[in-house]
């Protein structure tokens, strides 16, 4: 639903985010312990807050006046969708998914604009990330991988 709405209207229904948040919390409680879920969510929100501050500072300096990024650059629906993602991953997975999905969407829409296949100045960010999230869910389900645990990533890094 988010994918369809965001690509068609560049907006998403307000009720989809609370519904997704409830599903994510229930899923997190079932497959993770509550302390780990809350701790991971807090760290992910700190990461998001840092990102929003950096983006706000960038556009404020660029425009030489204080800029509210939700007016022209980032939709409130996108930001609320990021909160859903923040509770859906432990911090390492969240940072990897968030960064990779933003870069992937930026690349895809830059190519679409270069070939004049996409002419709108706004990108359906929540819709694009939703597609990547669905792909990730299918892959992790197939390989029985837990997004609330970073054991595999830690073993590869250390």
N, C-alpha and C. Protein backbone atom coordinates (compact mmCIF):
# COMPACT_ATOMS: atom_id res chain seq x y z
N UNK A 1 0.82 -1.18 0.00
CA UNK A 1 0.00 0.00 0.00
C UNK A 1 0.87 1.26 0.00
N UNK A 2 1.90 1.29 0.83
CA UNK A 2 2.80 2.45 0.88
C UNK A 2 3.46 2.65 -0.48
N UNK A 3 3.86 1.56 -1.09
CA UNK A 3 4.53 1.65 -2.39
C UNK A 3 3.60 2.30 -3.41
N UNK A 4 2.39 1.79 -3.51
CA UNK A 4 1.43 2.33 -4.47
C UNK A 4 1.13 3.80 -4.18
N UNK A 5 0.80 4.12 -2.93
CA UNK A 5 0.43 5.49 -2.59
C UNK A 5 1.58 6.46 -2.83
N UNK A 6 2.77 6.09 -2.42
CA UNK A 6 3.90 7.02 -2.54
C UNK A 6 4.28 7.25 -4.00
N UNK A 7 4.24 6.21 -4.80
CA UNK A 7 4.57 6.39 -6.22
C UNK A 7 3.46 7.14 -6.97
N UNK A 8 2.21 6.94 -6.58
CA UNK A 8 1.10 7.60 -7.28
C UNK A 8 0.87 9.03 -6.79
N UNK A 9 0.87 9.22 -5.45
CA UNK A 9 0.49 10.51 -4.88
C UNK A 9 1.62 11.26 -4.18
N UNK A 10 2.79 10.64 -4.07
CA UNK A 10 3.90 11.19 -3.28
C UNK A 10 3.46 11.48 -1.86
N UNK A 11 2.62 10.62 -1.34
CA UNK A 11 2.11 10.72 0.03
C UNK A 11 1.63 9.34 0.45
N UNK A 12 1.57 9.13 1.77
CA UNK A 12 1.07 7.86 2.29
C UNK A 12 -0.01 8.15 3.32
N UNK A 13 -0.95 7.23 3.48
CA UNK A 13 -2.03 7.39 4.46
C UNK A 13 -1.45 7.39 5.86
N UNK A 14 -1.98 8.26 6.70
CA UNK A 14 -1.44 8.43 8.05
C UNK A 14 -1.53 7.14 8.86
N UNK A 15 -2.56 6.34 8.66
CA UNK A 15 -2.77 5.16 9.49
C UNK A 15 -1.81 4.02 9.19
N UNK A 16 -1.13 4.07 8.05
CA UNK A 16 -0.22 2.97 7.72
C UNK A 16 0.99 2.94 8.65
N UNK A 17 1.46 4.10 9.07
CA UNK A 17 2.64 4.13 9.94
C UNK A 17 2.33 3.54 11.32
N UNK A 18 1.25 3.97 12.02
CA UNK A 18 0.96 3.32 13.31
C UNK A 18 0.73 1.81 13.16
N UNK A 19 0.08 1.39 12.07
CA UNK A 19 -0.14 -0.04 11.86
C UNK A 19 1.19 -0.77 11.70
N UNK A 20 2.09 -0.20 10.91
CA UNK A 20 3.41 -0.81 10.73
C UNK A 20 4.20 -0.81 12.04
N UNK A 21 4.10 0.28 12.81
CA UNK A 21 4.80 0.34 14.10
C UNK A 21 4.31 -0.75 15.05
N UNK A 22 3.01 -0.95 15.10
CA UNK A 22 2.46 -2.01 15.96
C UNK A 22 2.98 -3.37 15.52
N UNK A 23 2.95 -3.63 14.22
CA UNK A 23 3.47 -4.91 13.71
C UNK A 23 4.96 -5.08 14.02
N UNK A 24 5.73 -4.00 13.87
CA UNK A 24 7.17 -4.07 14.14
C UNK A 24 7.45 -4.32 15.61
N UNK A 25 6.69 -3.68 16.49
CA UNK A 25 6.89 -3.88 17.94
C UNK A 25 6.53 -5.31 18.32
N UNK A 26 5.41 -5.81 17.83
CA UNK A 26 5.01 -7.19 18.12
C UNK A 26 6.05 -8.16 17.59
N UNK A 27 6.51 -7.96 16.37
CA UNK A 27 7.54 -8.81 15.79
C UNK A 27 8.83 -8.74 16.61
N UNK A 28 9.21 -7.54 17.01
CA UNK A 28 10.42 -7.38 17.81
C UNK A 28 10.33 -8.08 19.15
N UNK A 29 9.16 -7.99 19.79
CA UNK A 29 8.97 -8.65 21.08
C UNK A 29 9.00 -10.17 20.92
N UNK A 30 8.44 -10.66 19.83
CA UNK A 30 8.42 -12.11 19.60
C UNK A 30 9.80 -12.68 19.29
N UNK A 31 10.62 -11.92 18.57
CA UNK A 31 11.90 -12.45 18.09
C UNK A 31 13.12 -11.84 18.74
N UNK A 32 12.92 -10.97 19.71
CA UNK A 32 14.03 -10.31 20.38
C UNK A 32 13.60 -10.05 21.82
N UNK A 33 14.57 -9.80 22.70
CA UNK A 33 14.13 -9.43 24.04
C UNK A 33 13.83 -7.93 24.08
N UNK A 34 12.96 -7.55 24.99
CA UNK A 34 12.46 -6.18 25.04
C UNK A 34 13.57 -5.17 25.26
N UNK A 35 14.50 -5.50 26.13
CA UNK A 35 15.61 -4.57 26.42
C UNK A 35 16.44 -4.32 25.16
N UNK A 36 16.74 -5.36 24.42
CA UNK A 36 17.50 -5.24 23.18
C UNK A 36 16.71 -4.43 22.15
N UNK A 37 15.41 -4.66 22.07
CA UNK A 37 14.56 -3.93 21.13
C UNK A 37 14.55 -2.43 21.45
N UNK A 38 14.35 -2.09 22.72
CA UNK A 38 14.30 -0.68 23.13
C UNK A 38 15.65 -0.02 22.95
N UNK A 39 16.71 -0.70 23.36
CA UNK A 39 18.06 -0.15 23.21
C UNK A 39 18.40 0.10 21.75
N UNK A 40 18.11 -0.87 20.90
CA UNK A 40 18.37 -0.71 19.47
C UNK A 40 17.57 0.42 18.87
N UNK A 41 16.29 0.53 19.27
CA UNK A 41 15.44 1.61 18.77
C UNK A 41 16.00 2.97 19.17
N UNK A 42 16.43 3.10 20.41
CA UNK A 42 17.00 4.39 20.87
C UNK A 42 18.23 4.74 20.05
N UNK A 43 19.14 3.79 19.86
CA UNK A 43 20.34 4.07 19.06
C UNK A 43 20.00 4.42 17.62
N UNK A 44 19.03 3.73 17.06
CA UNK A 44 18.61 4.04 15.69
C UNK A 44 17.99 5.43 15.59
N UNK A 45 17.23 5.83 16.61
CA UNK A 45 16.64 7.17 16.61
C UNK A 45 17.72 8.24 16.77
N UNK A 46 18.76 7.95 17.55
CA UNK A 46 19.88 8.89 17.66
C UNK A 46 20.55 9.05 16.30
N UNK A 47 20.75 7.95 15.60
CA UNK A 47 21.32 8.01 14.25
C UNK A 47 20.45 8.84 13.32
N UNK A 48 19.13 8.62 13.34
CA UNK A 48 18.21 9.39 12.50
C UNK A 48 18.24 10.87 12.87
N UNK A 49 18.23 11.17 14.16
CA UNK A 49 18.26 12.57 14.60
C UNK A 49 19.53 13.24 14.09
N UNK A 50 20.65 12.53 14.18
CA UNK A 50 21.92 13.06 13.67
C UNK A 50 21.80 13.35 12.17
N UNK A 51 21.21 12.43 11.42
CA UNK A 51 21.03 12.62 9.98
C UNK A 51 20.17 13.85 9.69
N UNK A 52 19.06 13.98 10.42
CA UNK A 52 18.15 15.12 10.19
C UNK A 52 18.83 16.44 10.54
N UNK A 53 19.64 16.44 11.60
CA UNK A 53 20.37 17.66 11.98
C UNK A 53 21.37 18.03 10.89
N UNK A 54 22.11 17.06 10.39
CA UNK A 54 23.10 17.32 9.33
C UNK A 54 22.41 17.84 8.07
N UNK A 55 21.30 17.22 7.69
CA UNK A 55 20.57 17.67 6.49
C UNK A 55 20.04 19.09 6.69
N UNK A 56 19.49 19.36 7.87
CA UNK A 56 18.98 20.71 8.17
C UNK A 56 20.11 21.73 8.12
N UNK A 57 21.25 21.40 8.73
CA UNK A 57 22.40 22.32 8.70
C UNK A 57 22.88 22.56 7.27
N UNK A 58 22.95 21.51 6.48
CA UNK A 58 23.40 21.64 5.09
C UNK A 58 22.52 22.61 4.32
N UNK A 59 21.20 22.38 4.37
CA UNK A 59 20.29 23.24 3.61
C UNK A 59 20.19 24.64 4.21
N UNK A 60 20.37 24.77 5.52
CA UNK A 60 20.37 26.09 6.15
C UNK A 60 21.57 26.89 5.69
N UNK A 61 22.74 26.27 5.65
CA UNK A 61 23.95 26.95 5.18
C UNK A 61 23.83 27.26 3.69
N UNK A 62 23.35 26.31 2.92
CA UNK A 62 23.21 26.49 1.47
C UNK A 62 22.26 27.64 1.14
N UNK A 63 21.14 27.72 1.86
CA UNK A 63 20.13 28.75 1.58
C UNK A 63 20.32 30.02 2.40
N UNK A 64 21.30 30.02 3.30
CA UNK A 64 21.62 31.18 4.15
C UNK A 64 20.44 31.63 5.01
N UNK A 65 19.59 30.69 5.36
CA UNK A 65 18.50 30.93 6.30
C UNK A 65 18.04 29.58 6.85
N UNK A 66 17.43 29.61 8.04
CA UNK A 66 16.98 28.38 8.66
C UNK A 66 15.96 27.68 7.77
N UNK A 67 16.19 26.40 7.51
CA UNK A 67 15.33 25.63 6.61
C UNK A 67 14.65 24.51 7.39
N UNK A 68 13.35 24.38 7.19
CA UNK A 68 12.58 23.26 7.72
C UNK A 68 12.58 22.19 6.64
N UNK A 69 13.33 21.12 6.84
CA UNK A 69 13.50 20.11 5.78
C UNK A 69 12.20 19.40 5.42
N UNK A 70 11.20 19.44 6.30
CA UNK A 70 9.94 18.76 5.98
C UNK A 70 9.07 19.57 5.03
N UNK A 71 9.44 20.81 4.76
CA UNK A 71 8.64 21.62 3.84
C UNK A 71 8.97 21.34 2.38
N UNK A 72 10.25 21.23 2.05
CA UNK A 72 10.63 21.09 0.64
C UNK A 72 11.49 19.89 0.31
N UNK A 73 12.08 19.27 1.31
CA UNK A 73 13.10 18.26 1.01
C UNK A 73 12.73 16.85 1.44
N UNK A 74 12.08 16.71 2.56
CA UNK A 74 11.80 15.39 3.12
C UNK A 74 10.39 15.40 3.69
N UNK A 75 9.55 14.51 3.22
CA UNK A 75 8.17 14.48 3.69
C UNK A 75 8.05 13.93 5.09
N UNK A 76 7.01 14.36 5.78
CA UNK A 76 6.75 13.85 7.12
C UNK A 76 6.48 12.35 7.07
N UNK A 77 5.79 11.90 6.02
CA UNK A 77 5.55 10.46 5.86
C UNK A 77 6.84 9.68 5.73
N UNK A 78 7.82 10.26 5.03
CA UNK A 78 9.14 9.62 4.92
C UNK A 78 9.79 9.50 6.29
N UNK A 79 9.74 10.59 7.06
CA UNK A 79 10.35 10.59 8.38
C UNK A 79 9.67 9.59 9.31
N UNK A 80 8.36 9.51 9.25
CA UNK A 80 7.63 8.54 10.07
C UNK A 80 7.94 7.11 9.63
N UNK A 81 8.12 6.92 8.34
CA UNK A 81 8.50 5.60 7.84
C UNK A 81 9.89 5.22 8.36
N UNK A 82 10.79 6.19 8.47
CA UNK A 82 12.11 5.93 9.02
C UNK A 82 12.01 5.45 10.47
N UNK A 83 11.04 5.99 11.22
CA UNK A 83 10.84 5.55 12.61
C UNK A 83 10.41 4.08 12.63
N UNK A 84 9.53 3.71 11.72
CA UNK A 84 9.14 2.30 11.60
C UNK A 84 10.38 1.43 11.33
N UNK A 85 11.23 1.88 10.41
CA UNK A 85 12.44 1.12 10.11
C UNK A 85 13.35 1.04 11.33
N UNK A 86 13.40 2.11 12.11
CA UNK A 86 14.28 2.16 13.28
C UNK A 86 13.93 1.09 14.30
N UNK A 87 12.67 0.73 14.39
CA UNK A 87 12.28 -0.31 15.35
C UNK A 87 12.33 -1.70 14.73
N UNK A 88 12.55 -1.76 13.43
CA UNK A 88 12.54 -3.04 12.71
C UNK A 88 13.91 -3.70 12.61
N UNK A 89 14.96 -2.99 13.02
CA UNK A 89 16.33 -3.50 12.89
C UNK A 89 17.12 -3.23 14.16
N UNK A 90 18.12 -4.04 14.38
CA UNK A 90 19.11 -3.68 15.39
C UNK A 90 20.03 -2.64 14.73
N UNK A 91 20.80 -1.87 15.51
CA UNK A 91 21.52 -0.71 14.96
C UNK A 91 22.44 -0.97 13.77
N UNK A 92 23.23 -2.01 13.78
CA UNK A 92 24.15 -2.25 12.66
C UNK A 92 23.37 -2.51 11.37
N UNK A 93 22.36 -3.36 11.46
CA UNK A 93 21.52 -3.63 10.28
C UNK A 93 20.79 -2.37 9.83
N UNK A 94 20.33 -1.57 10.79
CA UNK A 94 19.60 -0.36 10.43
C UNK A 94 20.49 0.60 9.65
N UNK A 95 21.67 0.84 10.15
CA UNK A 95 22.59 1.78 9.48
C UNK A 95 22.94 1.26 8.09
N UNK A 96 23.21 -0.04 7.98
CA UNK A 96 23.52 -0.62 6.67
C UNK A 96 22.33 -0.52 5.71
N UNK A 97 21.15 -0.90 6.19
CA UNK A 97 19.97 -0.85 5.33
C UNK A 97 19.62 0.58 4.95
N UNK A 98 19.60 1.47 5.93
CA UNK A 98 19.22 2.86 5.69
C UNK A 98 20.15 3.51 4.68
N UNK A 99 21.44 3.37 4.90
CA UNK A 99 22.43 3.98 4.01
C UNK A 99 22.37 3.36 2.61
N UNK A 100 22.34 2.05 2.55
CA UNK A 100 22.30 1.36 1.26
C UNK A 100 21.02 1.69 0.49
N UNK A 101 19.90 1.72 1.18
CA UNK A 101 18.64 2.00 0.48
C UNK A 101 18.60 3.44 -0.03
N UNK A 102 19.10 4.40 0.75
CA UNK A 102 19.13 5.79 0.28
C UNK A 102 20.03 5.93 -0.94
N UNK A 103 21.20 5.31 -0.89
CA UNK A 103 22.11 5.38 -2.03
C UNK A 103 21.53 4.68 -3.26
N UNK A 104 20.88 3.55 -3.06
CA UNK A 104 20.27 2.81 -4.17
C UNK A 104 19.17 3.64 -4.82
N UNK A 105 18.31 4.23 -4.01
CA UNK A 105 17.21 5.04 -4.55
C UNK A 105 17.76 6.28 -5.24
N UNK A 106 18.77 6.90 -4.66
CA UNK A 106 19.39 8.07 -5.30
C UNK A 106 19.95 7.69 -6.67
N UNK A 107 20.64 6.57 -6.76
CA UNK A 107 21.21 6.12 -8.03
C UNK A 107 20.11 5.79 -9.05
N UNK A 108 19.10 5.06 -8.62
CA UNK A 108 18.01 4.68 -9.54
C UNK A 108 17.31 5.91 -10.09
N UNK A 109 16.95 6.84 -9.22
CA UNK A 109 16.22 8.02 -9.70
C UNK A 109 17.11 8.99 -10.46
N UNK A 110 18.40 9.01 -10.17
CA UNK A 110 19.32 9.82 -10.97
C UNK A 110 19.40 9.26 -12.39
N UNK A 111 19.47 7.93 -12.50
CA UNK A 111 19.48 7.31 -13.83
C UNK A 111 18.15 7.53 -14.56
N UNK A 112 17.05 7.38 -13.85
CA UNK A 112 15.74 7.61 -14.48
C UNK A 112 15.60 9.05 -14.97
N UNK A 113 16.10 9.99 -14.18
CA UNK A 113 16.05 11.40 -14.61
C UNK A 113 16.99 11.65 -15.77
N UNK A 114 18.16 11.02 -15.76
CA UNK A 114 19.13 11.20 -16.85
C UNK A 114 18.55 10.73 -18.18
N UNK A 115 17.77 9.67 -18.14
CA UNK A 115 17.15 9.14 -19.36
C UNK A 115 15.73 9.68 -19.56
N UNK A 116 15.39 10.68 -18.77
CA UNK A 116 14.08 11.36 -18.85
C UNK A 116 12.90 10.40 -18.68
N UNK A 117 13.09 9.38 -17.87
CA UNK A 117 12.01 8.44 -17.58
C UNK A 117 11.24 8.84 -16.32
N UNK A 118 11.80 9.80 -15.59
CA UNK A 118 11.17 10.31 -14.37
C UNK A 118 11.37 11.82 -14.37
N UNK A 119 10.29 12.56 -14.38
CA UNK A 119 10.41 14.02 -14.52
C UNK A 119 10.04 14.79 -13.26
N UNK A 120 9.46 14.13 -12.28
CA UNK A 120 9.07 14.81 -11.05
C UNK A 120 10.31 15.19 -10.25
N UNK A 121 10.26 16.33 -9.58
CA UNK A 121 11.41 16.75 -8.77
C UNK A 121 11.42 16.05 -7.41
N UNK A 122 10.29 15.46 -7.01
CA UNK A 122 10.22 14.76 -5.74
C UNK A 122 10.34 13.25 -5.96
N UNK A 123 11.06 12.62 -5.05
CA UNK A 123 11.28 11.18 -5.13
C UNK A 123 10.36 10.48 -4.14
N UNK A 124 9.67 9.41 -4.54
CA UNK A 124 8.84 8.65 -3.61
C UNK A 124 9.73 7.79 -2.69
N UNK A 125 10.32 8.44 -1.71
CA UNK A 125 11.35 7.81 -0.88
C UNK A 125 10.80 6.64 -0.05
N UNK A 126 9.70 6.85 0.65
CA UNK A 126 9.13 5.77 1.46
C UNK A 126 8.71 4.59 0.58
N UNK A 127 8.17 4.88 -0.59
CA UNK A 127 7.79 3.81 -1.51
C UNK A 127 8.99 3.03 -2.01
N UNK A 128 10.05 3.73 -2.37
CA UNK A 128 11.27 3.08 -2.84
C UNK A 128 11.91 2.23 -1.75
N UNK A 129 11.99 2.79 -0.55
CA UNK A 129 12.57 2.03 0.56
C UNK A 129 11.69 0.83 0.90
N UNK A 130 10.38 0.99 0.76
CA UNK A 130 9.46 -0.14 1.02
C UNK A 130 9.74 -1.31 0.10
N UNK A 131 10.02 -1.02 -1.16
CA UNK A 131 10.35 -2.09 -2.12
C UNK A 131 11.61 -2.81 -1.65
N UNK A 132 12.63 -2.05 -1.29
CA UNK A 132 13.89 -2.67 -0.84
C UNK A 132 13.68 -3.44 0.46
N UNK A 133 12.84 -2.92 1.34
CA UNK A 133 12.54 -3.60 2.61
C UNK A 133 11.84 -4.93 2.34
N UNK A 134 10.89 -4.94 1.42
CA UNK A 134 10.21 -6.19 1.07
C UNK A 134 11.18 -7.22 0.50
N UNK A 135 12.09 -6.77 -0.36
CA UNK A 135 13.11 -7.67 -0.91
C UNK A 135 13.96 -8.23 0.23
N UNK A 136 14.35 -7.37 1.15
CA UNK A 136 15.16 -7.81 2.29
C UNK A 136 14.39 -8.82 3.14
N UNK A 137 13.11 -8.58 3.38
CA UNK A 137 12.32 -9.52 4.17
C UNK A 137 12.23 -10.89 3.50
N UNK A 138 12.06 -10.91 2.20
CA UNK A 138 11.99 -12.18 1.47
C UNK A 138 13.33 -12.92 1.60
N UNK A 139 14.42 -12.20 1.39
CA UNK A 139 15.75 -12.82 1.45
C UNK A 139 16.04 -13.33 2.86
N UNK A 140 15.77 -12.51 3.89
CA UNK A 140 16.07 -12.94 5.26
C UNK A 140 15.17 -14.08 5.70
N UNK A 141 13.94 -14.12 5.21
CA UNK A 141 13.05 -15.23 5.53
C UNK A 141 13.55 -16.51 4.87
N UNK A 142 13.96 -16.41 3.61
CA UNK A 142 14.47 -17.57 2.88
C UNK A 142 15.71 -18.15 3.55
N UNK A 143 16.62 -17.27 4.01
CA UNK A 143 17.85 -17.73 4.64
C UNK A 143 17.75 -17.83 6.15
N UNK A 144 16.54 -17.61 6.69
CA UNK A 144 16.30 -17.69 8.13
C UNK A 144 17.28 -16.81 8.92
N UNK A 145 17.39 -15.56 8.51
CA UNK A 145 18.33 -14.62 9.13
C UNK A 145 17.56 -13.64 10.01
N UNK A 146 18.09 -13.36 11.19
CA UNK A 146 17.45 -12.50 12.18
C UNK A 146 17.96 -11.06 12.06
N UNK A 147 17.08 -10.13 11.72
CA UNK A 147 17.46 -8.72 11.59
C UNK A 147 17.64 -8.03 12.94
N UNK A 148 17.27 -8.71 14.03
CA UNK A 148 17.46 -8.15 15.37
C UNK A 148 18.77 -8.61 15.99
N UNK A 149 19.55 -9.36 15.26
CA UNK A 149 20.84 -9.84 15.75
C UNK A 149 21.93 -9.47 14.75
N UNK A 150 23.05 -9.04 15.26
CA UNK A 150 24.15 -8.68 14.36
C UNK A 150 25.30 -9.69 14.46
N UNK A 151 24.99 -10.91 14.88
CA UNK A 151 26.03 -11.93 15.05
C UNK A 151 26.81 -12.19 13.77
N UNK A 152 26.13 -12.33 12.64
CA UNK A 152 26.80 -12.60 11.37
C UNK A 152 27.70 -11.44 10.98
N UNK A 153 27.19 -10.23 11.08
CA UNK A 153 27.99 -9.05 10.71
C UNK A 153 29.19 -8.92 11.63
N UNK A 154 28.98 -9.11 12.93
CA UNK A 154 30.10 -9.02 13.87
C UNK A 154 31.16 -10.08 13.58
N UNK A 155 30.74 -11.29 13.23
CA UNK A 155 31.71 -12.34 12.94
C UNK A 155 32.49 -12.05 11.66
N UNK A 156 31.86 -11.36 10.71
CA UNK A 156 32.56 -11.00 9.47
C UNK A 156 33.53 -9.84 9.69
N UNK A 157 33.20 -8.96 10.62
CA UNK A 157 34.02 -7.77 10.84
C UNK A 157 35.17 -8.01 11.80
N UNK A 158 34.99 -8.90 12.75
CA UNK A 158 36.02 -9.06 13.79
C UNK A 158 36.61 -10.44 13.80
